[in-house]
PDB file of N, CA and C in Angstrom:
ATOM      1  N   UNK A   1      -9.467  13.141  -7.855  1.00  0.00           N
ATOM      2  CA  UNK A   1      -9.274  11.842  -7.231  1.00  0.00           C
ATOM      3  C   UNK A   1      -7.915  11.265  -7.592  1.00  0.00           C
ATOM      4  N   UNK A   2      -7.436  11.561  -8.782  1.00  0.00           N
ATOM      5  CA  UNK A   2      -6.136  11.031  -9.195  1.00  0.00           C
ATOM      6  C   UNK A   2      -5.023  11.583  -8.325  1.00  0.00           C
ATOM      7  N   UNK A   3      -5.196  12.817  -7.863  1.00  0.00           N
ATOM      8  CA  UNK A   3      -4.164  13.408  -7.010  1.00  0.00           C
ATOM      9  C   UNK A   3      -4.048  12.671  -5.688  1.00  0.00           C
ATOM     10  N   UNK A   4      -5.162  12.102  -5.203  1.00  0.00           N
ATOM     11  CA  UNK A   4      -5.101  11.361  -3.937  1.00  0.00           C
ATOM     12  C   UNK A   4      -4.206  10.132  -4.065  1.00  0.00           C
ATOM     13  N   UNK A   5      -4.194   9.500  -5.217  1.00  0.00           N
ATOM     14  CA  UNK A   5      -3.322   8.343  -5.392  1.00  0.00           C
ATOM     15  C   UNK A   5      -1.858   8.770  -5.416  1.00  0.00           C
ATOM     16  N   UNK A   6      -1.582   9.951  -5.950  1.00  0.00           N
ATOM     17  CA  UNK A   6      -0.217  10.466  -5.905  1.00  0.00           C
ATOM     18  C   UNK A   6       0.175  10.835  -4.485  1.00  0.00           C
ATOM     19  N   UNK A   7      -0.778  11.331  -3.695  1.00  0.00           N
ATOM     20  CA  UNK A   7      -0.511  11.617  -2.281  1.00  0.00           C
ATOM     21  C   UNK A   7      -0.245  10.314  -1.531  1.00  0.00           C
ATOM     22  N   UNK A   8      -1.047   9.289  -1.798  1.00  0.00           N
ATOM     23  CA  UNK A   8      -0.799   7.977  -1.188  1.00  0.00           C
ATOM     24  C   UNK A   8       0.578   7.452  -1.580  1.00  0.00           C
ATOM     25  N   UNK A   9       0.969   7.682  -2.836  1.00  0.00           N
ATOM     26  CA  UNK A   9       2.303   7.290  -3.276  1.00  0.00           C
ATOM     27  C   UNK A   9       3.387   8.016  -2.509  1.00  0.00           C
ATOM     28  N   UNK A  10       3.181   9.298  -2.247  1.00  0.00           N
ATOM     29  CA  UNK A  10       4.163  10.059  -1.473  1.00  0.00           C
ATOM     30  C   UNK A  10       4.307   9.494  -0.065  1.00  0.00           C
ATOM     31  N   UNK A  11       3.165   9.243   0.608  1.00  0.00           N
ATOM     32  CA  UNK A  11       3.239   8.745   1.981  1.00  0.00           C
ATOM     33  C   UNK A  11       3.813   7.335   2.057  1.00  0.00           C
ATOM     34  N   UNK A  12       3.496   6.482   1.082  1.00  0.00           N
ATOM     35  CA  UNK A  12       4.107   5.150   1.100  1.00  0.00           C
ATOM     36  C   UNK A  12       5.604   5.239   0.816  1.00  0.00           C
ATOM     37  N   UNK A  13       6.028   6.220   0.013  1.00  0.00           N
ATOM     38  CA  UNK A  13       7.454   6.431  -0.208  1.00  0.00           C
ATOM     39  C   UNK A  13       8.146   6.842   1.084  1.00  0.00           C
ATOM     40  N   UNK A  14       7.529   7.749   1.833  1.00  0.00           N
ATOM     41  CA  UNK A  14       8.109   8.194   3.110  1.00  0.00           C
ATOM     42  C   UNK A  14       8.213   7.027   4.084  1.00  0.00           C
ATOM     43  N   UNK A  15       7.157   6.220   4.180  1.00  0.00           N
ATOM     44  CA  UNK A  15       7.182   5.060   5.077  1.00  0.00           C
ATOM     45  C   UNK A  15       8.245   4.064   4.618  1.00  0.00           C
ATOM     46  N   UNK A  16       8.364   3.853   3.317  1.00  0.00           N
ATOM     47  CA  UNK A  16       9.384   2.949   2.792  1.00  0.00           C
ATOM     48  C   UNK A  16      10.793   3.435   3.092  1.00  0.00           C
ATOM     49  N   UNK A  17      11.023   4.731   2.972  1.00  0.00           N
ATOM     50  CA  UNK A  17      12.352   5.269   3.291  1.00  0.00           C
ATOM     51  C   UNK A  17      12.670   5.141   4.773  1.00  0.00           C
ATOM     52  N   UNK A  18      11.676   5.365   5.629  1.00  0.00           N
ATOM     53  CA  UNK A  18      11.908   5.194   7.069  1.00  0.00           C
ATOM     54  C   UNK A  18      12.173   3.735   7.410  1.00  0.00           C
ATOM     55  N   UNK A  19      11.463   2.823   6.755  1.00  0.00           N
ATOM     56  CA  UNK A  19      11.693   1.398   6.991  1.00  0.00           C
ATOM     57  C   UNK A  19      13.087   1.000   6.521  1.00  0.00           C
ATOM     58  N   UNK A  20      13.506   1.533   5.389  1.00  0.00           N
ATOM     59  CA  UNK A  20      14.850   1.230   4.888  1.00  0.00           C
ATOM     60  C   UNK A  20      15.920   1.786   5.826  1.00  0.00           C
ATOM     61  N   UNK A  21      15.688   2.967   6.365  1.00  0.00           N
ATOM     62  CA  UNK A  21      16.643   3.553   7.311  1.00  0.00           C
ATOM     63  C   UNK A  21      16.708   2.736   8.596  1.00  0.00           C
ATOM     64  N   UNK A  22      15.621   2.057   8.929  1.00  0.00           N
ATOM     65  CA  UNK A  22      15.593   1.223  10.126  1.00  0.00           C
ATOM     66  C   UNK A  22      15.983  -0.221   9.862  1.00  0.00           C
ATOM     67  N   UNK A  23      16.585  -0.504   8.709  1.00  0.00           N
ATOM     68  CA  UNK A  23      17.045  -1.848   8.323  1.00  0.00           C
ATOM     69  C   UNK A  23      15.911  -2.859   8.209  1.00  0.00           C
ATOM     70  N   UNK A  24      14.719  -2.408   7.864  1.00  0.00           N
ATOM     71  CA  UNK A  24      13.580  -3.293   7.595  1.00  0.00           C
ATOM     72  C   UNK A  24      13.420  -3.389   6.084  1.00  0.00           C
ATOM     73  N   UNK A  25      14.308  -4.136   5.457  1.00  0.00           N
ATOM     74  CA  UNK A  25      14.407  -4.143   4.002  1.00  0.00           C
ATOM     75  C   UNK A  25      13.155  -4.718   3.347  1.00  0.00           C
ATOM     76  N   UNK A  26      12.593  -5.807   3.891  1.00  0.00           N
ATOM     77  CA  UNK A  26      11.408  -6.408   3.283  1.00  0.00           C
ATOM     78  C   UNK A  26      10.225  -5.440   3.324  1.00  0.00           C
ATOM     79  N   UNK A  27      10.053  -4.786   4.464  1.00  0.00           N
ATOM     80  CA  UNK A  27       8.972  -3.807   4.583  1.00  0.00           C
ATOM     81  C   UNK A  27       9.195  -2.634   3.642  1.00  0.00           C
ATOM     82  N   UNK A  28      10.439  -2.187   3.523  1.00  0.00           N
ATOM     83  CA  UNK A  28      10.751  -1.069   2.633  1.00  0.00           C
ATOM     84  C   UNK A  28      10.437  -1.431   1.186  1.00  0.00           C
ATOM     85  N   UNK A  29      10.796  -2.628   0.758  1.00  0.00           N
ATOM     86  CA  UNK A  29      10.503  -3.049  -0.611  1.00  0.00           C
ATOM     87  C   UNK A  29       9.001  -3.127  -0.863  1.00  0.00           C
ATOM     88  N   UNK A  30       8.260  -3.611   0.109  1.00  0.00           N
ATOM     89  CA  UNK A  30       6.804  -3.675  -0.016  1.00  0.00           C
ATOM     90  C   UNK A  30       6.221  -2.274  -0.208  1.00  0.00           C
ATOM     91  N   UNK A  31       6.706  -1.319   0.564  1.00  0.00           N
ATOM     92  CA  UNK A  31       6.176   0.038   0.442  1.00  0.00           C
ATOM     93  C   UNK A  31       6.671   0.731  -0.819  1.00  0.00           C
ATOM     94  N   UNK A  32       7.859   0.405  -1.297  1.00  0.00           N
ATOM     95  CA  UNK A  32       8.318   0.968  -2.571  1.00  0.00           C
ATOM     96  C   UNK A  32       7.463   0.451  -3.732  1.00  0.00           C
ATOM     97  N   UNK A  33       7.059  -0.812  -3.673  1.00  0.00           N
ATOM     98  CA  UNK A  33       6.162  -1.351  -4.706  1.00  0.00           C
ATOM     99  C   UNK A  33       4.797  -0.671  -4.659  1.00  0.00           C
ATOM    100  N   UNK A  34       4.296  -0.423  -3.445  1.00  0.00           N
ATOM    101  CA  UNK A  34       3.035   0.287  -3.322  1.00  0.00           C
ATOM    102  C   UNK A  34       3.154   1.709  -3.846  1.00  0.00           C
ATOM    103  N   UNK A  35       4.302   2.338  -3.620  1.00  0.00           N
ATOM    104  CA  UNK A  35       4.535   3.685  -4.129  1.00  0.00           C
ATOM    105  C   UNK A  35       4.430   3.702  -5.651  1.00  0.00           C
ATOM    106  N   UNK A  36       5.107   2.766  -6.295  1.00  0.00           N
ATOM    107  CA  UNK A  36       5.052   2.695  -7.758  1.00  0.00           C
ATOM    108  C   UNK A  36       3.618   2.460  -8.230  1.00  0.00           C
ATOM    109  N   UNK A  37       2.897   1.576  -7.562  1.00  0.00           N
ATOM    110  CA  UNK A  37       1.505   1.274  -7.908  1.00  0.00           C
ATOM    111  C   UNK A  37       0.637   2.522  -7.806  1.00  0.00           C
ATOM    112  N   UNK A  38       0.745   3.248  -6.709  1.00  0.00           N
ATOM    113  CA  UNK A  38      -0.095   4.431  -6.513  1.00  0.00           C
ATOM    114  C   UNK A  38       0.268   5.554  -7.472  1.00  0.00           C
ATOM    115  N   UNK A  39       1.538   5.775  -7.713  1.00  0.00           N
ATOM    116  CA  UNK A  39       1.938   6.863  -8.610  1.00  0.00           C
ATOM    117  C   UNK A  39       1.501   6.560 -10.042  1.00  0.00           C
ATOM    118  N   UNK A  40       1.655   5.319 -10.471  1.00  0.00           N
ATOM    119  CA  UNK A  40       1.206   4.945 -11.821  1.00  0.00           C
ATOM    120  C   UNK A  40      -0.306   5.125 -11.944  1.00  0.00           C
ATOM    121  N   UNK A  41      -1.056   4.675 -10.929  1.00  0.00           N
ATOM    122  CA  UNK A  41      -2.509   4.852 -10.968  1.00  0.00           C
ATOM    123  C   UNK A  41      -2.898   6.331 -10.969  1.00  0.00           C
ATOM    124  N   UNK A  42      -2.103   7.157 -10.301  1.00  0.00           N
ATOM    125  CA  UNK A  42      -2.410   8.570 -10.224  1.00  0.00           C
ATOM    126  C   UNK A  42      -2.317   9.291 -11.554  1.00  0.00           C
ATOM    127  N   UNK A  43      -1.564   8.743 -12.487  1.00  0.00           N
ATOM    128  CA  UNK A  43      -1.404   9.390 -13.789  1.00  0.00           C
ATOM    129  C   UNK A  43      -2.208   8.733 -14.915  1.00  0.00           C
ATOM    130  N   UNK A  44      -3.076   7.777 -14.603  1.00  0.00           N
ATOM    131  CA  UNK A  44      -3.802   7.057 -15.647  1.00  0.00           C
ATOM    132  C   UNK A  44      -5.115   7.709 -16.075  1.00  0.00           C
ATOM    133  N   UNK A  45      -5.568   8.741 -15.395  1.00  0.00           N
ATOM    134  CA  UNK A  45      -6.766   9.503 -15.784  1.00  0.00           C
ATOM    135  C   UNK A  45      -8.024   8.629 -15.859  1.00  0.00           C
ATOM    136  N   UNK A  46      -8.255   7.812 -14.832  1.00  0.00           N
ATOM    137  CA  UNK A  46      -9.482   7.029 -14.748  1.00  0.00           C
ATOM    138  C   UNK A  46     -10.620   7.916 -14.275  1.00  0.00           C
ATOM    139  N   UNK A  47     -11.832   7.381 -14.359  1.00  0.00           N
ATOM    140  CA  UNK A  47     -12.973   8.109 -13.807  1.00  0.00           C
ATOM    141  C   UNK A  47     -12.951   7.984 -12.283  1.00  0.00           C
ATOM    142  N   UNK A  48     -13.720   8.834 -11.628  1.00  0.00           N
ATOM    143  CA  UNK A  48     -13.740   8.812 -10.161  1.00  0.00           C
ATOM    144  C   UNK A  48     -14.268   7.478  -9.643  1.00  0.00           C
ATOM    145  N   UNK A  49     -15.255   6.928 -10.323  1.00  0.00           N
ATOM    146  CA  UNK A  49     -15.808   5.637  -9.909  1.00  0.00           C
ATOM    147  C   UNK A  49     -14.742   4.539  -9.985  1.00  0.00           C
ATOM    148  N   UNK A  50     -13.941   4.558 -11.032  1.00  0.00           N
ATOM    149  CA  UNK A  50     -12.883   3.556 -11.182  1.00  0.00           C
ATOM    150  C   UNK A  50     -11.857   3.687 -10.071  1.00  0.00           C
ATOM    151  N   UNK A  51     -11.491   4.926  -9.740  1.00  0.00           N
ATOM    152  CA  UNK A  51     -10.536   5.134  -8.649  1.00  0.00           C
ATOM    153  C   UNK A  51     -11.081   4.631  -7.320  1.00  0.00           C
ATOM    154  N   UNK A  52     -12.358   4.862  -7.068  1.00  0.00           N
ATOM    155  CA  UNK A  52     -12.962   4.392  -5.819  1.00  0.00           C
ATOM    156  C   UNK A  52     -12.990   2.870  -5.780  1.00  0.00           C
ATOM    157  N   UNK A  53     -13.351   2.238  -6.891  1.00  0.00           N
ATOM    158  CA  UNK A  53     -13.369   0.769  -6.940  1.00  0.00           C
ATOM    159  C   UNK A  53     -11.965   0.192  -6.771  1.00  0.00           C
ATOM    160  N   UNK A  54     -10.967   0.826  -7.379  1.00  0.00           N
ATOM    161  CA  UNK A  54      -9.586   0.372  -7.213  1.00  0.00           C
ATOM    162  C   UNK A  54      -9.135   0.500  -5.762  1.00  0.00           C
ATOM    163  N   UNK A  55      -9.518   1.600  -5.118  1.00  0.00           N
ATOM    164  CA  UNK A  55      -9.128   1.790  -3.726  1.00  0.00           C
ATOM    165  C   UNK A  55      -9.787   0.763  -2.819  1.00  0.00           C
ATOM    166  N   UNK A  56     -11.078   0.483  -3.045  1.00  0.00           N
ATOM    167  CA  UNK A  56     -11.761  -0.540  -2.255  1.00  0.00           C
ATOM    168  C   UNK A  56     -11.132  -1.923  -2.467  1.00  0.00           C
ATOM    169  N   UNK A  57     -10.795  -2.229  -3.710  1.00  0.00           N
ATOM    170  CA  UNK A  57     -10.121  -3.497  -3.978  1.00  0.00           C
ATOM    171  C   UNK A  57      -8.780  -3.586  -3.274  1.00  0.00           C
ATOM    172  N   UNK A  58      -8.041  -2.488  -3.298  1.00  0.00           N
ATOM    173  CA  UNK A  58      -6.753  -2.434  -2.601  1.00  0.00           C
ATOM    174  C   UNK A  58      -6.941  -2.642  -1.102  1.00  0.00           C
ATOM    175  N   UNK A  59      -7.937  -1.993  -0.521  1.00  0.00           N
ATOM    176  CA  UNK A  59      -8.191  -2.126   0.920  1.00  0.00           C
ATOM    177  C   UNK A  59      -8.573  -3.566   1.285  1.00  0.00           C
ATOM    178  N   UNK A  60      -9.396  -4.200   0.473  1.00  0.00           N
ATOM    179  CA  UNK A  60      -9.807  -5.578   0.758  1.00  0.00           C
ATOM    180  C   UNK A  60      -8.604  -6.515   0.707  1.00  0.00           C
ATOM    181  N   UNK A  61      -7.783  -6.376  -0.323  1.00  0.00           N
ATOM    182  CA  UNK A  61      -6.590  -7.231  -0.440  1.00  0.00           C
ATOM    183  C   UNK A  61      -5.620  -6.975   0.715  1.00  0.00           C
ATOM    184  N   UNK A  62      -5.420  -5.705   1.063  1.00  0.00           N
ATOM    185  CA  UNK A  62      -4.486  -5.356   2.127  1.00  0.00           C
ATOM    186  C   UNK A  62      -4.952  -5.882   3.478  1.00  0.00           C
ATOM    187  N   UNK A  63      -6.194  -5.653   3.820  1.00  0.00           N
ATOM    188  CA  UNK A  63      -6.683  -6.092   5.126  1.00  0.00           C
ATOM    189  C   UNK A  63      -6.788  -7.618   5.207  1.00  0.00           C
ATOM    190  N   UNK A  64      -7.114  -8.265   4.109  1.00  0.00           N
ATOM    191  CA  UNK A  64      -7.132  -9.729   4.103  1.00  0.00           C
ATOM    192  C   UNK A  64      -5.724 -10.271   4.306  1.00  0.00           C
ATOM    193  N   UNK A  65      -4.753  -9.715   3.600  1.00  0.00           N
ATOM    194  CA  UNK A  65      -3.362 -10.147   3.763  1.00  0.00           C
ATOM    195  C   UNK A  65      -2.832  -9.868   5.149  1.00  0.00           C
ATOM    196  N   UNK A  66      -3.146  -8.695   5.705  1.00  0.00           N
ATOM    197  CA  UNK A  66      -2.694  -8.358   7.056  1.00  0.00           C
ATOM    198  C   UNK A  66      -3.312  -9.296   8.089  1.00  0.00           C
ATOM    199  N   UNK A  67      -4.612  -9.574   7.950  1.00  0.00           N
ATOM    200  CA  UNK A  67      -5.281 -10.472   8.890  1.00  0.00           C
ATOM    201  C   UNK A  67      -4.708 -11.888   8.795  1.00  0.00           C
ATOM    202  N   UNK A  68      -4.471 -12.358   7.577  1.00  0.00           N
ATOM    203  CA  UNK A  68      -3.873 -13.684   7.406  1.00  0.00           C
ATOM    204  C   UNK A  68      -2.503 -13.742   8.077  1.00  0.00           C
ATOM    205  N   UNK A  69      -1.686 -12.731   7.837  1.00  0.00           N
ATOM    206  CA  UNK A  69      -0.325 -12.736   8.379  1.00  0.00           C
ATOM    207  C   UNK A  69      -0.331 -12.715   9.900  1.00  0.00           C
ATOM    208  N   UNK A  70      -1.171 -11.858  10.493  1.00  0.00           N
ATOM    209  CA  UNK A  70      -1.163 -11.743  11.944  1.00  0.00           C
ATOM    210  C   UNK A  70      -1.729 -12.979  12.623  1.00  0.00           C
ATOM    211  N   UNK A  71      -2.672 -13.660  11.997  1.00  0.00           N
ATOM    212  CA  UNK A  71      -3.279 -14.823  12.643  1.00  0.00           C
ATOM    213  C   UNK A  71      -2.485 -16.088  12.366  1.00  0.00           C
ATOM    214  N   UNK A  72      -2.133 -16.357  11.108  1.00  0.00           N
ATOM    215  CA  UNK A  72      -1.558 -17.647  10.751  1.00  0.00           C
ATOM    216  C   UNK A  72      -0.026 -17.650  10.707  1.00  0.00           C
ATOM    217  N   UNK A  73       0.592 -16.535  10.452  1.00  0.00           N
ATOM    218  CA  UNK A  73       2.054 -16.519  10.392  1.00  0.00           C
ATOM    219  C   UNK A  73       2.667 -16.117  11.731  1.00  0.00           C
ATOM    220  N   UNK A  74       2.087 -15.134  12.397  1.00  0.00           N
ATOM    221  CA  UNK A  74       2.611 -14.691  13.690  1.00  0.00           C
ATOM    222  C   UNK A  74       2.081 -15.556  14.828  1.00  0.00           C
ATOM    223  N   UNK A  75       0.900 -16.068  14.674  1.00  0.00           N
ATOM    224  CA  UNK A  75       0.290 -16.883  15.723  1.00  0.00           C
ATOM    225  C   UNK A  75      -0.373 -16.003  16.772  1.00  0.00           C
ATOM    226  N   UNK A  76      -1.408 -16.544  17.360  1.00  0.00           N
ATOM    227  CA  UNK A  76      -2.115 -15.809  18.404  1.00  0.00           C
ATOM    228  C   UNK A  76      -1.499 -16.119  19.769  1.00  0.00           C
ATOM    229  N   UNK A  77      -1.314 -15.099  20.591  1.00  0.00           N
ATOM    230  CA  UNK A  77      -0.782 -15.369  21.949  1.00  0.00           C
ATOM    231  C   UNK A  77      -1.837 -16.052  22.790  1.00  0.00           C
ATOM    232  N   UNK A  78      -1.455 -17.101  23.451  1.00  0.00           N
ATOM    233  CA  UNK A  78      -2.400 -17.844  24.279  1.00  0.00           C
ATOM    234  C   UNK A  78      -2.069 -17.716  25.729  1.00  0.00           C
TER     235      UNK A  78
END
C-alpha cells in the first residue's frame, strides 16, 4: 500500500510539471505540495488500515475543497 502513495506522488509530480510548463504556477505549486505529501507518506511504513484512512481523509478534503471552489468562487452559470 505504501508503494501506491509513491505512485500517486509520481503522477502528481507529472501533473505539476505540465501545469508549470503551461504557466499555471498556482496549480503547479499545489501539485508539488501534494507530491511531497504523498512521497513522505509512502516512506512512513504505516499499516494498510492507516493508509486507507489517510486516503479517505485526503479524498474528503479534496472533494470538499473542489466543490466549494467551483460553487462559491467560480459561481454557477445561470
